[in-house]
C-alpha atoms as a PDB file:
ATOM      1  CA  MET A   1     197.092 -38.471 107.818  1.00  0.00           C
ATOM      2  CA  THR A   2     197.312 -35.944 110.658  1.00  0.00           C
ATOM      3  CA  ILE A   3     194.084 -34.396 111.968  1.00  0.00           C
ATOM      4  CA  ALA A   4     193.409 -31.233 114.008  1.00  0.00           C
ATOM      5  CA  THR A   5     190.135 -29.955 115.485  1.00  0.00           C
ATOM      6  CA  LEU A   6     188.792 -26.437 114.959  1.00  0.00           C
ATOM      7  CA  SER A   7     187.833 -24.639 118.193  1.00  0.00           C
ATOM      8  CA  SER A   8     184.743 -22.458 118.651  1.00  0.00           C
ATOM      9  CA  LYS A   9     187.027 -19.427 118.176  1.00  0.00           C
ATOM     10  CA  GLY A  10     188.229 -20.695 114.778  1.00  0.00           C
ATOM     11  CA  GLN A  11     191.613 -21.808 116.115  1.00  0.00           C
ATOM     12  CA  ILE A  12     193.486 -25.043 115.553  1.00  0.00           C
ATOM     13  CA  THR A  13     196.484 -26.581 117.232  1.00  0.00           C
ATOM     14  CA  ILE A  14     198.990 -27.674 114.626  1.00  0.00           C
ATOM     15  CA  PRO A  15     200.119 -31.184 115.539  1.00  0.00           C
ATOM     16  CA  ALA A  16     203.747 -31.452 116.739  1.00  0.00           C
ATOM     17  CA  GLU A  17     204.668 -33.717 113.828  1.00  0.00           C
ATOM     18  CA  VAL A  18     203.506 -31.092 111.301  1.00  0.00           C
ATOM     19  CA  ARG A  19     205.233 -28.206 113.153  1.00  0.00           C
ATOM     20  CA  LYS A  20     208.472 -30.179 113.176  1.00  0.00           C
ATOM     21  CA  ASP A  21     208.222 -31.030 109.474  1.00  0.00           C
ATOM     22  CA  LEU A  22     207.496 -27.383 108.534  1.00  0.00           C
ATOM     23  CA  HIS A  23     210.161 -26.054 110.941  1.00  0.00           C
ATOM     24  CA  VAL A  24     207.677 -23.656 112.569  1.00  0.00           C
ATOM     25  CA  ASP A  25     207.606 -22.611 116.192  1.00  0.00           C
ATOM     26  CA  THR A  26     205.731 -20.222 118.462  1.00  0.00           C
ATOM     27  CA  GLY A  27     205.302 -16.819 116.810  1.00  0.00           C
ATOM     28  CA  ASP A  28     206.120 -18.007 113.272  1.00  0.00           C
ATOM     29  CA  ARG A  29     203.754 -17.063 110.469  1.00  0.00           C
ATOM     30  CA  VAL A  30     201.971 -19.464 108.163  1.00  0.00           C
ATOM     31  CA  GLU A  31     199.988 -18.900 104.978  1.00  0.00           C
ATOM     32  CA  PHE A  32     196.903 -20.571 103.584  1.00  0.00           C
ATOM     33  CA  VAL A  33     197.278 -20.600  99.797  1.00  0.00           C
ATOM     34  CA  GLN A  34     194.205 -21.437  97.722  1.00  0.00           C
ATOM     35  CA  ILE A  35     195.181 -24.028  95.125  1.00  0.00           C
ATOM     36  CA  ALA A  36     191.651 -24.816  93.920  1.00  0.00           C
ATOM     37  CA  PRO A  37     188.113 -23.852  94.958  1.00  0.00           C
ATOM     38  CA  GLY A  38     187.606 -25.237  98.455  1.00  0.00           C
ATOM     39  CA  ARG A  39     191.204 -26.506  98.652  1.00  0.00           C
ATOM     40  CA  TYR A  40     194.072 -24.773 100.453  1.00  0.00           C
ATOM     41  CA  GLU A  41     197.721 -25.477 101.038  1.00  0.00           C
ATOM     42  CA  PHE A  42     199.209 -24.689 104.453  1.00  0.00           C
ATOM     43  CA  VAL A  43     202.667 -23.135 104.025  1.00  0.00           C
ATOM     44  CA  ALA A  44     205.244 -21.929 106.529  1.00  0.00           C
ATOM     45  CA  ALA A  45     206.028 -18.259 105.884  1.00  0.00           C
ATOM     46  CA  THR A  46     209.329 -18.275 107.711  1.00  0.00           C
ATOM     47  CA  ARG A  47     211.732 -17.443 104.870  1.00  0.00           C
ATOM     48  CA  GLU A  48     213.555 -14.121 104.954  1.00  0.00           C
ATOM     49  CA  VAL A  49     213.108 -11.912 101.903  1.00  0.00           C
ATOM     50  CA  THR A  50     216.877 -12.005 101.377  1.00  0.00           C
ATOM     51  CA  GLU A  51     216.608 -15.747 100.639  1.00  0.00           C
ATOM     52  CA  LEU A  52     214.718 -14.864  97.455  1.00  0.00           C
ATOM     53  CA  LYS A  53     217.747 -13.115  95.947  1.00  0.00           C
ATOM     54  CA  GLY A  54     218.842 -14.829  92.752  1.00  0.00           C
ATOM     55  CA  MET A  55     215.647 -16.827  92.481  1.00  0.00           C
ATOM     56  CA  PHE A  56     215.133 -15.718  88.862  1.00  0.00           C
ATOM     57  CA  GLY A  57     218.730 -15.958  87.699  1.00  0.00           C
ATOM     58  CA  PRO A  58     221.255 -13.222  87.102  1.00  0.00           C
ATOM     59  CA  THR A  59     220.163  -9.654  86.416  1.00  0.00           C
ATOM     60  CA  LYS A  60     219.919  -8.985  82.689  1.00  0.00           C
ATOM     61  CA  LYS A  61     219.617  -5.213  82.891  1.00  0.00           C
ATOM     62  CA  ILE A  62     220.329  -2.805  85.726  1.00  0.00           C
ATOM     63  CA  VAL A  63     217.718  -0.036  85.975  1.00  0.00           C
ATOM     64  CA  SER A  64     218.012   3.054  88.170  1.00  0.00           C
ATOM     65  CA  ILE A  65     215.245   4.223  90.505  1.00  0.00           C
ATOM     66  CA  GLU A  66     214.913   7.359  88.377  1.00  0.00           C
ATOM     67  CA  ALA A  67     214.352   5.264  85.228  1.00  0.00           C
ATOM     68  CA  MET A  68     211.762   3.131  87.057  1.00  0.00           C
ATOM     69  CA  ASN A  69     209.905   6.246  88.254  1.00  0.00           C
ATOM     70  CA  ALA A  70     209.971   7.731  84.741  1.00  0.00           C
ATOM     71  CA  ALA A  71     208.539   4.511  83.263  1.00  0.00           C
ATOM     72  CA  ILE A  72     205.785   4.426  85.900  1.00  0.00           C
ATOM     73  CA  ALA A  73     204.917   8.077  85.264  1.00  0.00           C
ATOM     74  CA  GLN A  74     204.868   7.495  81.490  1.00  0.00           C
ATOM     75  CA  ARG A  75     202.526   4.491  81.818  1.00  0.00           C
ATOM     76  CA  GLY A  76     200.324   6.382  84.241  1.00  0.00           C
ATOM     77  CA  ALA A  77     200.003   9.324  81.859  1.00  0.00           C
ATOM     78  CA  ALA A  78     199.210   6.997  78.946  1.00  0.00           C
ATOM     79  CA  ALA A  79     196.451   5.282  80.936  1.00  0.00           C
ATOM     80  CA  ARG A  80     194.542   8.536  81.452  1.00  0.00           C
END
């Protein structure tokens, strides 16, 4: 188990072993994701949004921006 100490300013130094394993470096972003009350997962947020393409399989239906806007407007009007 790797341990880090919290400073008086609320900062920690991520141990070199953990940085290497997560492939994070100076200036990279990380996320703290709550997985249960009082329990968080530390995740590197270094992926580009373009890497998410295709994550949910092939597109089943192509929808135009105009059709999306019309659907949003219709739902908004129905909610009133």
